[in-house]
Amino acid sequence: MCLGIPMQIVAIDRYVATCEAQGVQREVSLFMIADTDLAVGDYVMVHVGYALQKMTHQDARTVWDLLDHIIAAGAA
């Protein structure tokens, strides 16, 4: 199973962004969406170190809510 994680861009340096999700920061390649207009504060879906698509804050929040429910169900 593949899992994409929504992350917020906190810095951009050409084709690499520093992204953050729930207090964890990672370097993320923007190469696969290089033609997308991105800025600090935007949200992207990240899979194995690559941003796959830009997403809205609401979409990112929805995914995190679903992931929280899955984690809670697994802990029960």
PDB file of N, CA and C in Angstrom:
ATOM      1  N   MET A   1       0.844  -1.169   0.000  1.00  0.00           N
ATOM      2  CA  MET A   1       0.000   0.000   0.000  1.00  0.00           C
ATOM      3  C   MET A   1       0.892   1.236   0.000  1.00  0.00           C
ATOM      4  N   CYS A   2       0.533   2.217  -0.797  1.00  0.00           N
ATOM      5  CA  CYS A   2       1.249   3.489  -0.845  1.00  0.00           C
ATOM      6  C   CYS A   2       0.502   4.510  -0.005  1.00  0.00           C
ATOM      7  N   LEU A   3       1.246   5.373   0.640  1.00  0.00           N
ATOM      8  CA  LEU A   3       0.629   6.368   1.504  1.00  0.00           C
ATOM      9  C   LEU A   3       1.252   7.723   1.234  1.00  0.00           C
ATOM     10  N   GLY A   4       0.413   8.687   0.882  1.00  0.00           N
ATOM     11  CA  GLY A   4       0.856  10.059   0.711  1.00  0.00           C
ATOM     12  C   GLY A   4       0.506  10.847   1.963  1.00  0.00           C
ATOM     13  N   ILE A   5       1.392  11.749   2.340  1.00  0.00           N
ATOM     14  CA  ILE A   5       1.198  12.548   3.546  1.00  0.00           C
ATOM     15  C   ILE A   5       1.106  14.019   3.148  1.00  0.00           C
ATOM     16  N   PRO A   6       0.061  14.709   3.575  1.00  0.00           N
ATOM     17  CA  PRO A   6      -0.004  16.141   3.296  1.00  0.00           C
ATOM     18  C   PRO A   6       0.993  16.899   4.172  1.00  0.00           C
ATOM     19  N   MET A   7       1.742  17.802   3.538  1.00  0.00           N
ATOM     20  CA  MET A   7       2.727  18.598   4.268  1.00  0.00           C
ATOM     21  C   MET A   7       2.641  20.049   3.800  1.00  0.00           C
ATOM     22  N   GLN A   8       2.994  20.954   4.702  1.00  0.00           N
ATOM     23  CA  GLN A   8       2.992  22.374   4.371  1.00  0.00           C
ATOM     24  C   GLN A   8       4.413  22.824   4.045  1.00  0.00           C
ATOM     25  N   ILE A   9       4.547  23.602   2.988  1.00  0.00           N
ATOM     26  CA  ILE A   9       5.849  24.118   2.581  1.00  0.00           C
ATOM     27  C   ILE A   9       6.249  25.259   3.518  1.00  0.00           C
ATOM     28  N   VAL A  10       7.459  25.149   4.097  1.00  0.00           N
ATOM     29  CA  VAL A  10       7.956  26.214   4.968  1.00  0.00           C
ATOM     30  C   VAL A  10       9.135  26.961   4.339  1.00  0.00           C
ATOM     31  N   ALA A  11       9.760  26.372   3.315  1.00  0.00           N
ATOM     32  CA  ALA A  11      10.849  27.036   2.592  1.00  0.00           C
ATOM     33  C   ALA A  11      11.007  26.357   1.235  1.00  0.00           C
ATOM     34  N   ILE A  12      11.418  27.131   0.245  1.00  0.00           N
ATOM     35  CA  ILE A  12      11.650  26.591  -1.096  1.00  0.00           C
ATOM     36  C   ILE A  12      13.014  27.053  -1.580  1.00  0.00           C
ATOM     37  N   ASP A  13      13.796  26.108  -2.104  1.00  0.00           N
ATOM     38  CA  ASP A  13      15.083  26.409  -2.729  1.00  0.00           C
ATOM     39  C   ASP A  13      15.123  25.683  -4.064  1.00  0.00           C
ATOM     40  N   ARG A  14      14.712  26.386  -5.112  1.00  0.00           N
ATOM     41  CA  ARG A  14      14.625  25.840  -6.468  1.00  0.00           C
ATOM     42  C   ARG A  14      13.671  24.645  -6.518  1.00  0.00           C
ATOM     43  N   TYR A  15      14.173  23.426  -6.640  1.00  0.00           N
ATOM     44  CA  TYR A  15      13.312  22.246  -6.762  1.00  0.00           C
ATOM     45  C   TYR A  15      13.250  21.408  -5.489  1.00  0.00           C
ATOM     46  N   VAL A  16      13.667  22.002  -4.371  1.00  0.00           N
ATOM     47  CA  VAL A  16      13.604  21.306  -3.084  1.00  0.00           C
ATOM     48  C   VAL A  16      12.877  22.213  -2.092  1.00  0.00           C
ATOM     49  N   ALA A  17      11.944  21.636  -1.376  1.00  0.00           N
ATOM     50  CA  ALA A  17      11.207  22.384  -0.366  1.00  0.00           C
ATOM     51  C   ALA A  17      11.419  21.746   0.996  1.00  0.00           C
ATOM     52  N   THR A  18      11.475  22.561   2.008  1.00  0.00           N
ATOM     53  CA  THR A  18      11.395  22.068   3.381  1.00  0.00           C
ATOM     54  C   THR A  18       9.912  22.080   3.715  1.00  0.00           C
ATOM     55  N   CYS A  19       9.398  20.907   4.079  1.00  0.00           N
ATOM     56  CA  CYS A  19       7.973  20.772   4.376  1.00  0.00           C
ATOM     57  C   CYS A  19       7.791  20.273   5.797  1.00  0.00           C
ATOM     58  N   GLU A  20       6.638  20.612   6.375  1.00  0.00           N
ATOM     59  CA  GLU A  20       6.369  20.260   7.766  1.00  0.00           C
ATOM     60  C   GLU A  20       4.977  19.655   7.896  1.00  0.00           C
ATOM     61  N   ALA A  21       4.904  18.630   8.737  1.00  0.00           N
ATOM     62  CA  ALA A  21       3.621  18.005   9.072  1.00  0.00           C
ATOM     63  C   ALA A  21       3.688  17.535  10.514  1.00  0.00           C
ATOM     64  N   GLN A  22       2.797  18.019  11.318  1.00  0.00           N
ATOM     65  CA  GLN A  22       2.687  17.650  12.721  1.00  0.00           C
ATOM     66  C   GLN A  22       4.028  17.721  13.449  1.00  0.00           C
ATOM     67  N   GLY A  23       4.751  18.813  13.218  1.00  0.00           N
ATOM     68  CA  GLY A  23       6.004  19.054  13.918  1.00  0.00           C
ATOM     69  C   GLY A  23       7.226  18.392  13.321  1.00  0.00           C
ATOM     70  N   VAL A  24       7.074  17.623  12.258  1.00  0.00           N
ATOM     71  CA  VAL A  24       8.194  16.938  11.621  1.00  0.00           C
ATOM     72  C   VAL A  24       8.505  17.640  10.303  1.00  0.00           C
ATOM     73  N   GLN A  25       9.795  17.971  10.095  1.00  0.00           N
ATOM     74  CA  GLN A  25      10.210  18.599   8.847  1.00  0.00           C
ATOM     75  C   GLN A  25      11.004  17.628   7.992  1.00  0.00           C
ATOM     76  N   ARG A  26      10.796  17.725   6.686  1.00  0.00           N
ATOM     77  CA  ARG A  26      11.495  16.882   5.723  1.00  0.00           C
ATOM     78  C   ARG A  26      11.853  17.713   4.497  1.00  0.00           C
ATOM     79  N   GLU A  27      12.943  17.328   3.840  1.00  0.00           N
ATOM     80  CA  GLU A  27      13.282  17.902   2.542  1.00  0.00           C
ATOM     81  C   GLU A  27      12.500  17.122   1.485  1.00  0.00           C
ATOM     82  N   VAL A  28      11.816  17.835   0.604  1.00  0.00           N
ATOM     83  CA  VAL A  28      10.927  17.217  -0.375  1.00  0.00           C
ATOM     84  C   VAL A  28      11.285  17.725  -1.763  1.00  0.00           C
ATOM     85  N   SER A  29      11.400  16.821  -2.711  1.00  0.00           N
ATOM     86  CA  SER A  29      11.664  17.205  -4.092  1.00  0.00           C
ATOM     87  C   SER A  29      10.395  17.741  -4.743  1.00  0.00           C
ATOM     88  N   LEU A  30      10.533  18.868  -5.436  1.00  0.00           N
ATOM     89  CA  LEU A  30       9.415  19.453  -6.182  1.00  0.00           C
ATOM     90  C   LEU A  30       9.514  19.138  -7.667  1.00  0.00           C
ATOM     91  N   PHE A  31      10.472  18.314  -8.035  1.00  0.00           N
ATOM     92  CA  PHE A  31      10.743  18.027  -9.441  1.00  0.00           C
ATOM     93  C   PHE A  31       9.507  17.536 -10.200  1.00  0.00           C
ATOM     94  N   MET A  32       8.702  16.678  -9.578  1.00  0.00           N
ATOM     95  CA  MET A  32       7.550  16.081 -10.275  1.00  0.00           C
ATOM     96  C   MET A  32       6.415  17.074 -10.512  1.00  0.00           C
ATOM     97  N   ILE A  33       6.404  18.198  -9.771  1.00  0.00           N
ATOM     98  CA  ILE A  33       5.370  19.218  -9.973  1.00  0.00           C
ATOM     99  C   ILE A  33       6.022  20.573 -10.245  1.00  0.00           C
ATOM    100  N   ALA A  34       7.144  20.552 -10.955  1.00  0.00           N
ATOM    101  CA  ALA A  34       7.927  21.763 -11.217  1.00  0.00           C
ATOM    102  C   ALA A  34       7.125  22.829 -11.962  1.00  0.00           C
ATOM    103  N   ASP A  35       6.114  22.430 -12.726  1.00  0.00           N
ATOM    104  CA  ASP A  35       5.325  23.397 -13.483  1.00  0.00           C
ATOM    105  C   ASP A  35       4.159  23.978 -12.664  1.00  0.00           C
ATOM    106  N   THR A  36       4.050  23.594 -11.395  1.00  0.00           N
ATOM    107  CA  THR A  36       2.987  24.082 -10.513  1.00  0.00           C
ATOM    108  C   THR A  36       3.470  25.324  -9.775  1.00  0.00           C
ATOM    109  N   ASP A  37       2.616  26.334  -9.676  1.00  0.00           N
ATOM    110  CA  ASP A  37       2.936  27.547  -8.941  1.00  0.00           C
ATOM    111  C   ASP A  37       2.862  27.248  -7.444  1.00  0.00           C
ATOM    112  N   LEU A  38       4.018  27.247  -6.769  1.00  0.00           N
ATOM    113  CA  LEU A  38       4.086  26.922  -5.345  1.00  0.00           C
ATOM    114  C   LEU A  38       4.697  28.074  -4.570  1.00  0.00           C
ATOM    115  N   ALA A  39       4.260  28.223  -3.325  1.00  0.00           N
ATOM    116  CA  ALA A  39       4.792  29.258  -2.444  1.00  0.00           C
ATOM    117  C   ALA A  39       4.834  28.722  -1.021  1.00  0.00           C
ATOM    118  N   VAL A  40       5.634  29.380  -0.185  1.00  0.00           N
ATOM    119  CA  VAL A  40       5.669  29.042   1.234  1.00  0.00           C
ATOM    120  C   VAL A  40       4.249  29.177   1.784  1.00  0.00           C
ATOM    121  N   GLY A  41       3.820  28.172   2.546  1.00  0.00           N
ATOM    122  CA  GLY A  41       2.469  28.149   3.100  1.00  0.00           C
ATOM    123  C   GLY A  41       1.534  27.222   2.355  1.00  0.00           C
ATOM    124  N   ASP A  42       1.891  26.854   1.104  1.00  0.00           N
ATOM    125  CA  ASP A  42       1.070  25.917   0.341  1.00  0.00           C
ATOM    126  C   ASP A  42       1.200  24.510   0.920  1.00  0.00           C
ATOM    127  N   TYR A  43       0.218  23.678   0.603  1.00  0.00           N
ATOM    128  CA  TYR A  43       0.223  22.276   1.013  1.00  0.00           C
ATOM    129  C   TYR A  43       0.447  21.394  -0.202  1.00  0.00           C
ATOM    130  N   VAL A  44       1.225  20.321   0.000  1.00  0.00           N
ATOM    131  CA  VAL A  44       1.481  19.348  -1.057  1.00  0.00           C
ATOM    132  C   VAL A  44       1.306  17.943  -0.500  1.00  0.00           C
ATOM    133  N   MET A  45       0.935  17.019  -1.373  1.00  0.00           N
ATOM    134  CA  MET A  45       0.863  15.607  -1.011  1.00  0.00           C
ATOM    135  C   MET A  45       2.240  15.007  -1.282  1.00  0.00           C
ATOM    136  N   VAL A  46       2.844  14.395  -0.257  1.00  0.00           N
ATOM    137  CA  VAL A  46       4.216  13.896  -0.355  1.00  0.00           C
ATOM    138  C   VAL A  46       4.220  12.372  -0.240  1.00  0.00           C
ATOM    139  N   HIS A  47       4.969  11.748  -1.152  1.00  0.00           N
ATOM    140  CA  HIS A  47       5.153  10.294  -1.123  1.00  0.00           C
ATOM    141  C   HIS A  47       6.626  10.014  -1.394  1.00  0.00           C
ATOM    142  N   VAL A  48       7.264   9.272  -0.528  1.00  0.00           N
ATOM    143  CA  VAL A  48       8.684   8.889  -0.585  1.00  0.00           C
ATOM    144  C   VAL A  48       9.591  10.048  -1.005  1.00  0.00           C
ATOM    145  N   GLY A  49       9.371  11.213  -0.399  1.00  0.00           N
ATOM    146  CA  GLY A  49      10.254  12.341  -0.629  1.00  0.00           C
ATOM    147  C   GLY A  49       9.938  13.218  -1.823  1.00  0.00           C
ATOM    148  N   TYR A  50       8.859  12.917  -2.537  1.00  0.00           N
ATOM    149  CA  TYR A  50       8.472  13.702  -3.702  1.00  0.00           C
ATOM    150  C   TYR A  50       7.089  14.311  -3.495  1.00  0.00           C
ATOM    151  N   ALA A  51       6.952  15.592  -3.824  1.00  0.00           N
ATOM    152  CA  ALA A  51       5.635  16.216  -3.832  1.00  0.00           C
ATOM    153  C   ALA A  51       4.916  15.749  -5.101  1.00  0.00           C
ATOM    154  N   LEU A  52       3.705  15.227  -4.937  1.00  0.00           N
ATOM    155  CA  LEU A  52       2.956  14.699  -6.073  1.00  0.00           C
ATOM    156  C   LEU A  52       1.925  15.676  -6.612  1.00  0.00           C
ATOM    157  N   GLN A  53       1.371  16.512  -5.729  1.00  0.00           N
ATOM    158  CA  GLN A  53       0.378  17.490  -6.166  1.00  0.00           C
ATOM    159  C   GLN A  53       0.203  18.546  -5.099  1.00  0.00           C
ATOM    160  N   LYS A  54      -0.231  19.716  -5.543  1.00  0.00           N
ATOM    161  CA  LYS A  54      -0.592  20.790  -4.632  1.00  0.00           C
ATOM    162  C   LYS A  54      -1.999  20.513  -4.138  1.00  0.00           C
ATOM    163  N   MET A  55      -2.289  20.872  -2.905  1.00  0.00           N
ATOM    164  CA  MET A  55      -3.615  20.640  -2.349  1.00  0.00           C
ATOM    165  C   MET A  55      -4.025  21.823  -1.480  1.00  0.00           C
ATOM    166  N   THR A  56      -5.311  21.910  -1.208  1.00  0.00           N
ATOM    167  CA  THR A  56      -5.810  22.991  -0.357  1.00  0.00           C
ATOM    168  C   THR A  56      -5.570  22.648   1.110  1.00  0.00           C
ATOM    169  N   HIS A  57      -5.622  23.676   1.929  1.00  0.00           N
ATOM    170  CA  HIS A  57      -5.510  23.468   3.374  1.00  0.00           C
ATOM    171  C   HIS A  57      -6.627  22.532   3.854  1.00  0.00           C
ATOM    172  N   GLN A  58      -7.840  22.723   3.349  1.00  0.00           N
ATOM    173  CA  GLN A  58      -8.975  21.890   3.763  1.00  0.00           C
ATOM    174  C   GLN A  58      -8.757  20.428   3.378  1.00  0.00           C
ATOM    175  N   ASP A  59      -8.251  20.174   2.165  1.00  0.00           N
ATOM    176  CA  ASP A  59      -7.977  18.790   1.758  1.00  0.00           C
ATOM    177  C   ASP A  59      -6.910  18.168   2.655  1.00  0.00           C
ATOM    178  N   ALA A  60      -5.867  18.937   2.983  1.00  0.00           N
ATOM    179  CA  ALA A  60      -4.816  18.430   3.869  1.00  0.00           C
ATOM    180  C   ALA A  60      -5.393  18.100   5.239  1.00  0.00           C
ATOM    181  N   ARG A  61      -6.244  18.978   5.769  1.00  0.00           N
ATOM    182  CA  ARG A  61      -6.864  18.755   7.081  1.00  0.00           C
ATOM    183  C   ARG A  61      -7.752  17.502   7.056  1.00  0.00           C
ATOM    184  N   THR A  62      -8.492  17.309   5.977  1.00  0.00           N
ATOM    185  CA  THR A  62      -9.351  16.133   5.849  1.00  0.00           C
ATOM    186  C   THR A  62      -8.527  14.852   5.874  1.00  0.00           C
ATOM    187  N   VAL A  63      -7.416  14.839   5.148  1.00  0.00           N
ATOM    188  CA  VAL A  63      -6.548  13.647   5.130  1.00  0.00           C
ATOM    189  C   VAL A  63      -5.988  13.390   6.524  1.00  0.00           C
ATOM    190  N   TRP A  64      -5.522  14.440   7.221  1.00  0.00           N
ATOM    191  CA  TRP A  64      -4.985  14.247   8.567  1.00  0.00           C
ATOM    192  C   TRP A  64      -6.049  13.735   9.526  1.00  0.00           C
ATOM    193  N   ASP A  65      -7.284  14.226   9.395  1.00  0.00           N
ATOM    194  CA  ASP A  65      -8.375  13.720  10.240  1.00  0.00           C
ATOM    195  C   ASP A  65      -8.615  12.232   9.984  1.00  0.00           C
ATOM    196  N   LEU A  66      -8.612  11.831   8.721  1.00  0.00           N
ATOM    197  CA  LEU A  66      -8.793  10.405   8.384  1.00  0.00           C
ATOM    198  C   LEU A  66      -7.642   9.562   8.928  1.00  0.00           C
ATOM    199  N   LEU A  67      -6.423  10.049   8.781  1.00  0.00           N
ATOM    200  CA  LEU A  67      -5.274   9.311   9.303  1.00  0.00           C
ATOM    201  C   LEU A  67      -5.336   9.180  10.829  1.00  0.00           C
ATOM    202  N   ASP A  68      -5.782  10.248  11.510  1.00  0.00           N
ATOM    203  CA  ASP A  68      -5.948  10.179  12.962  1.00  0.00           C
ATOM    204  C   ASP A  68      -6.962   9.115  13.365  1.00  0.00           C
ATOM    205  N   HIS A  69      -8.054   8.987  12.607  1.00  0.00           N
ATOM    206  CA  HIS A  69      -9.067   7.957  12.891  1.00  0.00           C
ATOM    207  C   HIS A  69      -8.499   6.550  12.655  1.00  0.00           C
ATOM    208  N   ILE A  70      -7.723   6.388  11.606  1.00  0.00           N
ATOM    209  CA  ILE A  70      -7.119   5.077  11.322  1.00  0.00           C
ATOM    210  C   ILE A  70      -6.148   4.695  12.441  1.00  0.00           C
ATOM    211  N   ILE A  71      -5.334   5.642  12.863  1.00  0.00           N
ATOM    212  CA  ILE A  71      -4.369   5.369  13.948  1.00  0.00           C
ATOM    213  C   ILE A  71      -5.099   5.027  15.241  1.00  0.00           C
ATOM    214  N   ALA A  72      -6.161   5.770  15.546  1.00  0.00           N
ATOM    215  CA  ALA A  72      -6.927   5.509  16.765  1.00  0.00           C
ATOM    216  C   ALA A  72      -7.594   4.129  16.713  1.00  0.00           C
ATOM    217  N   ALA A  73      -8.113   3.746  15.547  1.00  0.00           N
ATOM    218  CA  ALA A  73      -8.751   2.444  15.407  1.00  0.00           C
ATOM    219  C   ALA A  73      -7.739   1.313  15.578  1.00  0.00           C
ATOM    220  N   GLY A  74      -6.522   1.518  15.112  1.00  0.00           N
ATOM    221  CA  GLY A  74      -5.471   0.504  15.245  1.00  0.00           C
ATOM    222  C   GLY A  74      -4.982   0.355  16.669  1.00  0.00           C
ATOM    223  N   ALA A  75      -5.088   1.409  17.461  1.00  0.00           N
ATOM    224  CA  ALA A  75      -4.632   1.365  18.844  1.00  0.00           C
ATOM    225  C   ALA A  75      -5.660   0.709  19.764  1.00  0.00           C
ATOM    226  N   ALA A  76      -6.894   0.593  19.288  1.00  0.00           N
ATOM    227  CA  ALA A  76      -7.977   0.049  20.129  1.00  0.00           C
ATOM    228  C   ALA A  76      -7.901  -1.457  20.239  1.00  0.00           C
TER     229      ALA A  76
END
